[in-house]
Amino acid sequence: MDGDDWRNQLPLDSRRRIIYRTMDTLKRHLPYSGPEGLNELRKIVVRFEKKMYICASNDSDYLRRISQKMRSLETKKSSDLSEDAITPGE
C-alpha cells in the first residue's frame, strides 16, 4: 500500500466504532448464547469488517458495503416477521 491509499487515512478508532455498531446490529438478528456465543459473534464481525476493508476501493465504498449488508439484515428480519404474522392456521 502506498501513502495515498485511503486505508492509511482511516483512523483505527473509526474501524472499531464500525465493528461495535455491526456487533449491535448482529446481536439483534443472530442467536447467540453466553460469553462463548458473543465471542463467536465478535469473530464473525471482525472477519466481515476486514473483508469489507480489503475489498473496498475507497472509504465511501467501505461504508456503503457495510451499510448494504446491515440493511439487508434489517430487511430480511422485517420480511421474516411479516411472513410469520400472516401464516394461516397457527
C-alpha atoms as a PDB file:
ATOM      1  CA  MET A   1       0.000   0.000   0.000  1.00  0.00           C
ATOM      2  CA  ASP A   2       1.273   3.420  -0.846  1.00  0.00           C
ATOM      3  CA  GLY A   3       0.907   6.582   1.235  1.00  0.00           C
ATOM      4  CA  ASP A   4      -2.074   7.749  -0.838  1.00  0.00           C
ATOM      5  CA  ASP A   5      -4.158   4.640  -0.111  1.00  0.00           C
ATOM      6  CA  TRP A   6      -7.455   5.569   1.567  1.00  0.00           C
ATOM      7  CA  ARG A   7      -6.839   2.902   4.217  1.00  0.00           C
ATOM      8  CA  ASN A   8      -3.915   4.905   5.581  1.00  0.00           C
ATOM      9  CA  GLN A   9      -6.275   7.833   6.157  1.00  0.00           C
ATOM     10  CA  LEU A  10      -8.949   5.872   8.045  1.00  0.00           C
ATOM     11  CA  PRO A  11      -8.320   6.041  11.807  1.00  0.00           C
ATOM     12  CA  LEU A  12      -8.254   2.730  13.665  1.00  0.00           C
ATOM     13  CA  ASP A  13     -10.844   4.163  16.046  1.00  0.00           C
ATOM     14  CA  SER A  14     -13.277   4.510  13.126  1.00  0.00           C
ATOM     15  CA  ARG A  15     -12.916   0.839  12.324  1.00  0.00           C
ATOM     16  CA  ARG A  16     -13.509  -0.044  15.976  1.00  0.00           C
ATOM     17  CA  ARG A  17     -16.715   2.012  16.048  1.00  0.00           C
ATOM     18  CA  ILE A  18     -17.916   0.262  12.903  1.00  0.00           C
ATOM     19  CA  ILE A  19     -17.199  -3.119  14.491  1.00  0.00           C
ATOM     20  CA  TYR A  20     -19.165  -2.147  17.622  1.00  0.00           C
ATOM     21  CA  ARG A  21     -22.130  -0.902  15.579  1.00  0.00           C
ATOM     22  CA  THR A  22     -22.089  -4.030  13.455  1.00  0.00           C
ATOM     23  CA  MET A  23     -21.994  -6.144  16.619  1.00  0.00           C
ATOM     24  CA  ASP A  24     -25.048  -4.309  17.943  1.00  0.00           C
ATOM     25  CA  THR A  25     -26.930  -4.995  14.726  1.00  0.00           C
ATOM     26  CA  LEU A  26     -25.982  -8.661  14.605  1.00  0.00           C
ATOM     27  CA  LYS A  27     -26.903  -9.170  18.257  1.00  0.00           C
ATOM     28  CA  ARG A  28     -30.455  -8.185  17.335  1.00  0.00           C
ATOM     29  CA  HIS A  29     -30.610 -10.578  14.383  1.00  0.00           C
ATOM     30  CA  LEU A  30     -28.496 -13.626  15.153  1.00  0.00           C
ATOM     31  CA  PRO A  31     -28.982 -16.008  18.035  1.00  0.00           C
ATOM     32  CA  TYR A  32     -26.081 -16.327  20.446  1.00  0.00           C
ATOM     33  CA  SER A  33     -25.756 -17.720  23.923  1.00  0.00           C
ATOM     34  CA  GLY A  34     -23.483 -16.582  26.713  1.00  0.00           C
ATOM     35  CA  PRO A  35     -19.902 -15.344  26.528  1.00  0.00           C
ATOM     36  CA  GLU A  36     -18.819 -18.036  24.063  1.00  0.00           C
ATOM     37  CA  GLY A  37     -21.601 -17.118  21.661  1.00  0.00           C
ATOM     38  CA  LEU A  38     -20.775 -13.442  21.988  1.00  0.00           C
ATOM     39  CA  ASN A  39     -17.109 -14.179  21.316  1.00  0.00           C
ATOM     40  CA  GLU A  40     -18.026 -16.148  18.173  1.00  0.00           C
ATOM     41  CA  LEU A  41     -20.248 -13.294  17.029  1.00  0.00           C
ATOM     42  CA  ARG A  42     -17.366 -10.868  17.519  1.00  0.00           C
ATOM     43  CA  LYS A  43     -15.082 -13.090  15.424  1.00  0.00           C
ATOM     44  CA  ILE A  44     -17.678 -13.093  12.639  1.00  0.00           C
ATOM     45  CA  VAL A  45     -17.961  -9.304  12.763  1.00  0.00           C
ATOM     46  CA  VAL A  46     -14.182  -8.796  12.743  1.00  0.00           C
ATOM     47  CA  ARG A  47     -13.805 -11.106   9.715  1.00  0.00           C
ATOM     48  CA  PHE A  48     -16.667  -9.354   7.932  1.00  0.00           C
ATOM     49  CA  GLU A  49     -15.238  -5.888   8.600  1.00  0.00           C
ATOM     50  CA  LYS A  50     -11.782  -6.968   7.469  1.00  0.00           C
ATOM     51  CA  LYS A  51     -13.190  -8.387   4.241  1.00  0.00           C
ATOM     52  CA  MET A  52     -15.071  -5.135   3.528  1.00  0.00           C
ATOM     53  CA  TYR A  53     -11.954  -3.121   4.373  1.00  0.00           C
ATOM     54  CA  ILE A  54      -9.797  -5.127   1.967  1.00  0.00           C
ATOM     55  CA  CYS A  55     -12.342  -5.257  -0.869  1.00  0.00           C
ATOM     56  CA  ALA A  56     -13.397  -1.610  -0.787  1.00  0.00           C
ATOM     57  CA  SER A  57     -11.938   0.791  -3.306  1.00  0.00           C
ATOM     58  CA  ASN A  58     -12.280   3.830  -1.014  1.00  0.00           C
ATOM     59  CA  ASP A  59     -13.754   4.880   2.314  1.00  0.00           C
ATOM     60  CA  SER A  60     -17.183   5.572   0.824  1.00  0.00           C
ATOM     61  CA  ASP A  61     -17.238   2.139  -0.787  1.00  0.00           C
ATOM     62  CA  TYR A  62     -16.212   0.592   2.541  1.00  0.00           C
ATOM     63  CA  LEU A  63     -19.076   2.267   4.392  1.00  0.00           C
ATOM     64  CA  ARG A  64     -21.531   1.546   1.563  1.00  0.00           C
ATOM     65  CA  ARG A  65     -20.721  -2.173   1.559  1.00  0.00           C
ATOM     66  CA  ILE A  66     -21.183  -2.450   5.311  1.00  0.00           C
ATOM     67  CA  SER A  67     -24.386  -0.396   5.255  1.00  0.00           C
ATOM     68  CA  GLN A  68     -25.853  -2.511   2.466  1.00  0.00           C
ATOM     69  CA  LYS A  69     -25.219  -5.705   4.383  1.00  0.00           C
ATOM     70  CA  MET A  70     -26.712  -4.315   7.581  1.00  0.00           C
ATOM     71  CA  ARG A  71     -29.771  -3.046   5.679  1.00  0.00           C
ATOM     72  CA  SER A  72     -30.241  -6.443   4.064  1.00  0.00           C
ATOM     73  CA  LEU A  73     -30.261  -8.000   7.545  1.00  0.00           C
ATOM     74  CA  GLU A  74     -32.860  -5.484   8.711  1.00  0.00           C
ATOM     75  CA  THR A  75     -34.980  -6.104   5.611  1.00  0.00           C
ATOM     76  CA  LYS A  76     -34.710  -9.871   5.929  1.00  0.00           C
ATOM     77  CA  LYS A  77     -35.726  -9.720   9.581  1.00  0.00           C
ATOM     78  CA  SER A  78     -38.705  -7.489   8.734  1.00  0.00           C
ATOM     79  CA  SER A  79     -39.878  -9.789   5.953  1.00  0.00           C
ATOM     80  CA  ASP A  80     -39.476 -12.840   8.209  1.00  0.00           C
ATOM     81  CA  LEU A  81     -41.658 -11.162  10.827  1.00  0.00           C
ATOM     82  CA  SER A  82     -44.255 -10.244   8.196  1.00  0.00           C
ATOM     83  CA  GLU A  83     -44.402 -13.824   6.934  1.00  0.00           C
ATOM     84  CA  ASP A  84     -44.827 -15.101  10.491  1.00  0.00           C
ATOM     85  CA  ALA A  85     -47.679 -12.669  11.068  1.00  0.00           C
ATOM     86  CA  ILE A  86     -49.647 -13.869   8.034  1.00  0.00           C
ATOM     87  CA  THR A  87     -49.049 -17.607   8.320  1.00  0.00           C
ATOM     88  CA  PRO A  88     -52.545 -19.148   8.250  1.00  0.00           C
ATOM     89  CA  GLY A  89     -53.665 -21.825  10.659  1.00  0.00           C
ATOM     90  CA  GLU A  90     -51.384 -21.045  13.550  1.00  0.00           C
END
